[in-house]
Amino acid sequence: MTMVAQETEEIVFNAIQEYLNENRVIEKHNLINFIKSSFSKSSININEEGIIRNFESLIKKKRIVVGSRLSKDSILNNENRNEIYIYIMQNPGAYFNKIVKSIGLSNHVVYWHLNMLIKFELIKKAQIENHEIYFDSKLSEKEGMKLYFTYKKESKKILEHLTFKKKGMNKAQLAEELQMHPKTIRKYVNYLDEFGFLDKEQISKRETLFSLKRIS
């Protein structure tokens, strides 16, 4: 995009911000008419085709969302929404109930703000273990899921225990020493293996030893 095009898009964006000061939501037809009227009263030379082109570009970039009164530049102005966003950046992979408990807002309020953050692509969500987890939009889904297991109680307990077991342990040994149900151990060891936390060594057909991933 050339500098002229960038400047044109920014002019249209500023006009949209002015429109939002007087209107609750972005409605395309009303918005285009508002911008045309504003530009006709000034020296700004952008025709209707140019306004629409830049409007659609802003939507594509998620700087604005049709049906919302927010823009990407203003979405974090809301104190509660900003607090939720900061919490997710500091705790990537956090699941819904954990966010609600930590922030201290109602389920409905947290859910609303999370959806707005997703709409503007500031965060992403993924489904794992019957949880909806939330993380920075710059991360892939797999990266977000991996971070979820860094503070999940069961997986954290396994990882901390393996820190002191350099030769590795099998699932039965982990279940016994950690006093966790074998099914729970199997479930979380499989997750930790899938997401790259563990090395494994096949001792026999029936025995596999797991240890923390070596960093080469």
C-alpha atoms as a PDB file:
ATOM      1  CA  MET A   1       0.000   0.000   0.000  1.00  0.00           C
ATOM      2  CA  THR A   2       1.441   3.423  -0.932  1.00  0.00           C
ATOM      3  CA  MET A   3       1.755   6.247   1.560  1.00  0.00           C
ATOM      4  CA  VAL A   4      -1.092   8.115  -0.171  1.00  0.00           C
ATOM      5  CA  ALA A   5      -3.351   5.076   0.191  1.00  0.00           C
ATOM      6  CA  GLN A   6      -2.382   4.721   3.856  1.00  0.00           C
ATOM      7  CA  GLU A   7      -3.210   8.361   4.488  1.00  0.00           C
ATOM      8  CA  THR A   8      -6.557   8.000   2.684  1.00  0.00           C
ATOM      9  CA  GLU A   9      -7.464   4.976   4.786  1.00  0.00           C
ATOM     10  CA  GLU A  10      -6.556   6.858   7.970  1.00  0.00           C
ATOM     11  CA  ILE A  11      -8.733   9.808   6.936  1.00  0.00           C
ATOM     12  CA  VAL A  12     -11.692   7.471   6.404  1.00  0.00           C
ATOM     13  CA  PHE A  13     -10.963   5.779   9.719  1.00  0.00           C
ATOM     14  CA  ASN A  14     -10.970   9.129  11.536  1.00  0.00           C
ATOM     15  CA  ALA A  15     -14.315   9.981   9.892  1.00  0.00           C
ATOM     16  CA  ILE A  16     -15.703   6.661  11.152  1.00  0.00           C
ATOM     17  CA  GLN A  17     -14.534   7.544  14.681  1.00  0.00           C
ATOM     18  CA  GLU A  18     -16.424  10.839  14.371  1.00  0.00           C
ATOM     19  CA  TYR A  19     -19.528   8.942  13.178  1.00  0.00           C
ATOM     20  CA  LEU A  20     -19.317   6.630  16.201  1.00  0.00           C
ATOM     21  CA  ASN A  21     -19.365   9.611  18.535  1.00  0.00           C
ATOM     22  CA  GLU A  22     -22.919  10.270  17.328  1.00  0.00           C
ATOM     23  CA  ASN A  23     -24.177   6.743  16.591  1.00  0.00           C
ATOM     24  CA  ARG A  24     -24.393   3.517  18.581  1.00  0.00           C
ATOM     25  CA  VAL A  25     -23.231   1.083  15.887  1.00  0.00           C
ATOM     26  CA  ILE A  26     -21.609   0.985  12.456  1.00  0.00           C
ATOM     27  CA  GLU A  27     -24.284   0.631   9.761  1.00  0.00           C
ATOM     28  CA  LYS A  28     -22.710   0.732   6.323  1.00  0.00           C
ATOM     29  CA  HIS A  29     -25.329   2.764   4.419  1.00  0.00           C
ATOM     30  CA  ASN A  30     -25.664   5.452   7.102  1.00  0.00           C
ATOM     31  CA  LEU A  31     -21.925   5.568   7.632  1.00  0.00           C
ATOM     32  CA  ILE A  32     -21.071   6.061   3.944  1.00  0.00           C
ATOM     33  CA  ASN A  33     -23.610   8.880   3.677  1.00  0.00           C
ATOM     34  CA  PHE A  34     -22.199  10.514   6.808  1.00  0.00           C
ATOM     35  CA  ILE A  35     -18.629  10.406   5.462  1.00  0.00           C
ATOM     36  CA  LYS A  36     -19.674  11.689   2.023  1.00  0.00           C
ATOM     37  CA  SER A  37     -21.469  14.600   3.673  1.00  0.00           C
ATOM     38  CA  SER A  38     -18.493  15.360   5.926  1.00  0.00           C
ATOM     39  CA  PHE A  39     -16.014  15.273   3.050  1.00  0.00           C
ATOM     40  CA  SER A  40     -18.227  17.466   0.848  1.00  0.00           C
ATOM     41  CA  LYS A  41     -18.019  20.194   3.492  1.00  0.00           C
ATOM     42  CA  SER A  42     -14.221  20.045   3.574  1.00  0.00           C
ATOM     43  CA  SER A  43     -11.330  19.978   1.145  1.00  0.00           C
ATOM     44  CA  ILE A  44     -10.989  16.184   1.393  1.00  0.00           C
ATOM     45  CA  ASN A  45     -11.174  14.740  -2.104  1.00  0.00           C
ATOM     46  CA  ILE A  46     -12.226  11.112  -1.666  1.00  0.00           C
ATOM     47  CA  ASN A  47     -15.164   9.911  -3.762  1.00  0.00           C
ATOM     48  CA  GLU A  48     -17.775   7.328  -2.736  1.00  0.00           C
ATOM     49  CA  GLU A  49     -15.869   4.488  -4.386  1.00  0.00           C
ATOM     50  CA  GLY A  50     -12.753   5.431  -2.411  1.00  0.00           C
ATOM     51  CA  ILE A  51     -14.715   5.662   0.830  1.00  0.00           C
ATOM     52  CA  ILE A  52     -16.221   2.192   0.302  1.00  0.00           C
ATOM     53  CA  ARG A  53     -12.846   0.697  -0.684  1.00  0.00           C
ATOM     54  CA  ASN A  54     -11.165   2.040   2.458  1.00  0.00           C
ATOM     55  CA  PHE A  55     -14.161   1.096   4.612  1.00  0.00           C
ATOM     56  CA  GLU A  56     -13.907  -2.515   3.399  1.00  0.00           C
ATOM     57  CA  SER A  57     -10.142  -2.494   3.948  1.00  0.00           C
ATOM     58  CA  LEU A  58     -10.651  -1.424   7.561  1.00  0.00           C
ATOM     59  CA  ILE A  59     -13.160  -4.234   8.064  1.00  0.00           C
ATOM     60  CA  LYS A  60     -10.747  -6.772   6.566  1.00  0.00           C
ATOM     61  CA  LYS A  61      -8.016  -5.600   8.946  1.00  0.00           C
ATOM     62  CA  LYS A  62     -10.483  -5.861  11.854  1.00  0.00           C
ATOM     63  CA  ARG A  63      -9.915  -2.220  12.780  1.00  0.00           C
ATOM     64  CA  ILE A  64     -13.706  -1.868  12.703  1.00  0.00           C
ATOM     65  CA  VAL A  65     -16.592  -4.349  12.910  1.00  0.00           C
ATOM     66  CA  VAL A  66     -19.997  -3.733  11.310  1.00  0.00           C
ATOM     67  CA  GLY A  67     -22.718  -3.806  13.973  1.00  0.00           C
ATOM     68  CA  SER A  68     -20.351  -2.551  16.677  1.00  0.00           C
ATOM     69  CA  ARG A  69     -19.612   0.937  17.930  1.00  0.00           C
ATOM     70  CA  LEU A  70     -16.033  -0.062  18.729  1.00  0.00           C
ATOM     71  CA  SER A  71     -12.843   0.174  16.717  1.00  0.00           C
ATOM     72  CA  LYS A  72      -9.544  -1.584  17.273  1.00  0.00           C
ATOM     73  CA  ASP A  73      -8.117   1.696  18.533  1.00  0.00           C
ATOM     74  CA  SER A  74     -10.808   2.089  21.193  1.00  0.00           C
ATOM     75  CA  ILE A  75     -11.733  -1.468  22.173  1.00  0.00           C
ATOM     76  CA  LEU A  76      -9.392  -1.511  25.180  1.00  0.00           C
ATOM     77  CA  ASN A  77     -10.683   1.801  26.518  1.00  0.00           C
ATOM     78  CA  ASN A  78     -13.243  -0.153  28.537  1.00  0.00           C
ATOM     79  CA  GLU A  79     -11.655  -0.825  31.949  1.00  0.00           C
ATOM     80  CA  ASN A  80     -13.126  -4.324  32.412  1.00  0.00           C
ATOM     81  CA  ARG A  81     -12.290  -5.394  28.860  1.00  0.00           C
ATOM     82  CA  ASN A  82      -8.737  -4.113  29.222  1.00  0.00           C
ATOM     83  CA  GLU A  83      -8.337  -5.996  32.511  1.00  0.00           C
ATOM     84  CA  ILE A  84      -9.527  -9.228  30.868  1.00  0.00           C
ATOM     85  CA  TYR A  85      -7.171  -8.684  27.918  1.00  0.00           C
ATOM     86  CA  ILE A  86      -4.158  -8.052  30.174  1.00  0.00           C
ATOM     87  CA  TYR A  87      -5.015 -11.136  32.238  1.00  0.00           C
ATOM     88  CA  ILE A  88      -5.075 -13.319  29.110  1.00  0.00           C
ATOM     89  CA  MET A  89      -1.758 -11.872  27.888  1.00  0.00           C
ATOM     90  CA  GLN A  90      -0.240 -12.729  31.273  1.00  0.00           C
ATOM     91  CA  ASN A  91      -1.987 -16.125  31.496  1.00  0.00           C
ATOM     92  CA  PRO A  92      -2.236 -17.436  27.924  1.00  0.00           C
ATOM     93  CA  GLY A  93      -4.324 -20.585  27.710  1.00  0.00           C
ATOM     94  CA  ALA A  94      -6.538 -19.525  30.636  1.00  0.00           C
ATOM     95  CA  TYR A  95     -10.010 -21.055  30.520  1.00  0.00           C
ATOM     96  CA  PHE A  96     -13.316 -19.287  31.007  1.00  0.00           C
ATOM     97  CA  ASN A  97     -14.067 -20.185  34.641  1.00  0.00           C
ATOM     98  CA  LYS A  98     -10.520 -19.304  35.678  1.00  0.00           C
ATOM     99  CA  ILE A  99     -10.843 -15.874  34.029  1.00  0.00           C
ATOM    100  CA  VAL A 100     -14.221 -15.236  35.699  1.00  0.00           C
ATOM    101  CA  LYS A 101     -12.865 -16.197  39.130  1.00  0.00           C
ATOM    102  CA  SER A 102      -9.668 -14.155  38.728  1.00  0.00           C
ATOM    103  CA  ILE A 103     -11.317 -11.008  37.334  1.00  0.00           C
ATOM    104  CA  GLY A 104     -14.328 -11.090  39.668  1.00  0.00           C
ATOM    105  CA  LEU A 105     -16.974 -10.185  37.089  1.00  0.00           C
ATOM    106  CA  SER A 106     -20.154 -12.078  36.188  1.00  0.00           C
ATOM    107  CA  ASN A 107     -20.116 -14.843  33.573  1.00  0.00           C
ATOM    108  CA  HIS A 108     -22.271 -12.732  31.257  1.00  0.00           C
ATOM    109  CA  VAL A 109     -19.988  -9.675  31.412  1.00  0.00           C
ATOM    110  CA  VAL A 110     -16.792 -11.704  30.888  1.00  0.00           C
ATOM    111  CA  TYR A 111     -18.357 -13.621  28.001  1.00  0.00           C
ATOM    112  CA  TRP A 112     -19.411 -10.364  26.283  1.00  0.00           C
ATOM    113  CA  HIS A 113     -15.958  -8.816  26.551  1.00  0.00           C
ATOM    114  CA  LEU A 114     -14.205 -11.999  25.419  1.00  0.00           C
ATOM    115  CA  ASN A 115     -16.370 -12.100  22.294  1.00  0.00           C
ATOM    116  CA  MET A 116     -15.504  -8.479  21.488  1.00  0.00           C
ATOM    117  CA  LEU A 117     -11.790  -9.212  21.882  1.00  0.00           C
ATOM    118  CA  ILE A 118     -12.194 -12.192  19.536  1.00  0.00           C
ATOM    119  CA  LYS A 119     -14.152 -10.153  16.963  1.00  0.00           C
ATOM    120  CA  PHE A 120     -11.323  -7.644  16.738  1.00  0.00           C
ATOM    121  CA  GLU A 121      -8.765 -10.490  16.633  1.00  0.00           C
ATOM    122  CA  LEU A 122      -6.914  -9.420  19.760  1.00  0.00           C
ATOM    123  CA  ILE A 123      -7.328 -12.920  21.181  1.00  0.00           C
ATOM    124  CA  LYS A 124      -8.233 -16.418  19.969  1.00  0.00           C
ATOM    125  CA  LYS A 125     -10.059 -19.271  21.640  1.00  0.00           C
ATOM    126  CA  ALA A 126      -9.787 -23.048  21.381  1.00  0.00           C
ATOM    127  CA  GLN A 127     -11.584 -26.023  22.927  1.00  0.00           C
ATOM    128  CA  ILE A 128      -9.737 -28.564  25.085  1.00  0.00           C
ATOM    129  CA  GLU A 129     -10.809 -30.775  27.993  1.00  0.00           C
ATOM    130  CA  ASN A 130     -14.340 -29.338  27.807  1.00  0.00           C
ATOM    131  CA  HIS A 131     -12.835 -25.889  28.385  1.00  0.00           C
ATOM    132  CA  GLU A 132     -12.785 -22.870  26.127  1.00  0.00           C
ATOM    133  CA  ILE A 133      -9.290 -21.438  26.484  1.00  0.00           C
ATOM    134  CA  TYR A 134      -8.138 -17.969  25.416  1.00  0.00           C
ATOM    135  CA  PHE A 135      -4.764 -16.690  24.233  1.00  0.00           C
ATOM    136  CA  ASP A 136      -2.978 -14.037  22.177  1.00  0.00           C
ATOM    137  CA  SER A 137      -4.142 -13.963  18.552  1.00  0.00           C
ATOM    138  CA  LYS A 138      -0.478 -14.070  17.458  1.00  0.00           C
ATOM    139  CA  LEU A 139      -0.222 -17.638  18.746  1.00  0.00           C
ATOM    140  CA  SER A 140      -1.333 -20.737  16.881  1.00  0.00           C
ATOM    141  CA  GLU A 141      -4.060 -22.927  18.362  1.00  0.00           C
ATOM    142  CA  LYS A 142      -1.473 -25.570  19.285  1.00  0.00           C
ATOM    143  CA  GLU A 143       0.722 -22.991  21.036  1.00  0.00           C
ATOM    144  CA  GLY A 144      -2.280 -21.757  23.017  1.00  0.00           C
ATOM    145  CA  MET A 145      -3.181 -25.286  24.073  1.00  0.00           C
ATOM    146  CA  LYS A 146       0.411 -26.005  25.082  1.00  0.00           C
ATOM    147  CA  LEU A 147       0.448 -22.994  27.394  1.00  0.00           C
ATOM    148  CA  TYR A 148      -2.780 -24.224  29.021  1.00  0.00           C
ATOM    149  CA  PHE A 149      -0.893 -27.244  30.340  1.00  0.00           C
ATOM    150  CA  THR A 150       1.890 -25.181  31.915  1.00  0.00           C
ATOM    151  CA  TYR A 151      -0.383 -24.228  34.812  1.00  0.00           C
ATOM    152  CA  LYS A 152      -3.071 -26.944  34.737  1.00  0.00           C
ATOM    153  CA  LYS A 153      -2.846 -28.534  38.212  1.00  0.00           C
ATOM    154  CA  GLU A 154      -2.496 -32.163  37.118  1.00  0.00           C
ATOM    155  CA  SER A 155       0.013 -31.605  34.317  1.00  0.00           C
ATOM    156  CA  LYS A 156       2.022 -29.150  36.422  1.00  0.00           C
ATOM    157  CA  LYS A 157       2.316 -31.759  39.168  1.00  0.00           C
ATOM    158  CA  ILE A 158       3.651 -34.345  36.696  1.00  0.00           C
ATOM    159  CA  LEU A 159       6.166 -31.932  35.171  1.00  0.00           C
ATOM    160  CA  GLU A 160       7.459 -30.820  38.573  1.00  0.00           C
ATOM    161  CA  HIS A 161       7.871 -34.451  39.692  1.00  0.00           C
ATOM    162  CA  LEU A 162       9.784 -35.415  36.535  1.00  0.00           C
ATOM    163  CA  THR A 163      12.224 -32.568  37.190  1.00  0.00           C
ATOM    164  CA  PHE A 164      13.837 -34.802  39.821  1.00  0.00           C
ATOM    165  CA  LYS A 165      13.629 -38.033  37.784  1.00  0.00           C
ATOM    166  CA  LYS A 166      16.353 -37.703  35.167  1.00  0.00           C
ATOM    167  CA  LYS A 167      16.119 -41.373  34.116  1.00  0.00           C
ATOM    168  CA  GLY A 168      12.401 -41.089  33.514  1.00  0.00           C
ATOM    169  CA  MET A 169       9.352 -42.871  34.903  1.00  0.00           C
ATOM    170  CA  ASN A 170       6.554 -44.991  33.522  1.00  0.00           C
ATOM    171  CA  LYS A 171       2.895 -44.150  34.017  1.00  0.00           C
ATOM    172  CA  ALA A 172       2.379 -46.681  36.807  1.00  0.00           C
ATOM    173  CA  GLN A 173       5.283 -45.218  38.793  1.00  0.00           C
ATOM    174  CA  LEU A 174       3.943 -41.701  38.335  1.00  0.00           C
ATOM    175  CA  ALA A 175       0.477 -42.750  39.491  1.00  0.00           C
ATOM    176  CA  GLU A 176       1.885 -44.410  42.606  1.00  0.00           C
ATOM    177  CA  GLU A 177       4.298 -41.649  43.626  1.00  0.00           C
ATOM    178  CA  LEU A 178       1.918 -38.800  42.888  1.00  0.00           C
ATOM    179  CA  GLN A 179      -1.097 -40.657  44.305  1.00  0.00           C
ATOM    180  CA  MET A 180      -3.107 -39.886  41.204  1.00  0.00           C
ATOM    181  CA  HIS A 181      -5.532 -42.213  39.443  1.00  0.00           C
ATOM    182  CA  PRO A 182      -3.880 -44.193  36.599  1.00  0.00           C
ATOM    183  CA  LYS A 183      -6.488 -42.865  34.131  1.00  0.00           C
ATOM    184  CA  THR A 184      -5.640 -39.283  35.135  1.00  0.00           C
ATOM    185  CA  ILE A 185      -1.922 -39.957  34.755  1.00  0.00           C
ATOM    186  CA  ARG A 186      -2.459 -41.591  31.363  1.00  0.00           C
ATOM    187  CA  LYS A 187      -4.573 -38.687  30.165  1.00  0.00           C
ATOM    188  CA  TYR A 188      -2.133 -35.937  31.160  1.00  0.00           C
ATOM    189  CA  VAL A 189       1.036 -37.773  30.201  1.00  0.00           C
ATOM    190  CA  ASN A 190      -0.485 -38.283  26.748  1.00  0.00           C
ATOM    191  CA  TYR A 191      -1.285 -34.558  26.520  1.00  0.00           C
ATOM    192  CA  LEU A 192       2.186 -33.568  27.705  1.00  0.00           C
ATOM    193  CA  ASP A 193       3.733 -35.935  25.176  1.00  0.00           C
ATOM    194  CA  GLU A 194       1.509 -34.630  22.372  1.00  0.00           C
ATOM    195  CA  PHE A 195       2.402 -31.008  23.089  1.00  0.00           C
ATOM    196  CA  GLY A 196       6.129 -31.607  23.263  1.00  0.00           C
ATOM    197  CA  PHE A 197       6.892 -31.425  26.989  1.00  0.00           C
ATOM    198  CA  LEU A 198       8.276 -34.939  27.271  1.00  0.00           C
ATOM    199  CA  ASP A 199      10.859 -37.312  25.875  1.00  0.00           C
ATOM    200  CA  LYS A 200       9.998 -40.993  25.907  1.00  0.00           C
ATOM    201  CA  GLU A 201      12.066 -44.158  25.780  1.00  0.00           C
ATOM    202  CA  GLN A 202      10.580 -47.511  24.818  1.00  0.00           C
ATOM    203  CA  ILE A 203      12.047 -50.033  27.283  1.00  0.00           C
ATOM    204  CA  SER A 204       9.866 -52.959  26.216  1.00  0.00           C
ATOM    205  CA  LYS A 205       6.550 -53.619  24.514  1.00  0.00           C
ATOM    206  CA  ARG A 206       4.789 -52.879  27.793  1.00  0.00           C
ATOM    207  CA  GLU A 207       6.958 -50.191  29.295  1.00  0.00           C
ATOM    208  CA  THR A 208       7.713 -46.634  28.223  1.00  0.00           C
ATOM    209  CA  LEU A 209       9.711 -44.199  30.342  1.00  0.00           C
ATOM    210  CA  PHE A 210       8.849 -40.489  30.244  1.00  0.00           C
ATOM    211  CA  SER A 211      11.202 -37.655  31.145  1.00  0.00           C
ATOM    212  CA  LEU A 212      11.288 -33.903  30.655  1.00  0.00           C
ATOM    213  CA  LYS A 213      12.139 -32.807  27.114  1.00  0.00           C
ATOM    214  CA  ARG A 214      15.865 -32.191  26.748  1.00  0.00           C
ATOM    215  CA  ILE A 215      16.760 -28.785  25.388  1.00  0.00           C
ATOM    216  CA  SER A 216      19.539 -29.239  22.846  1.00  0.00           C
END
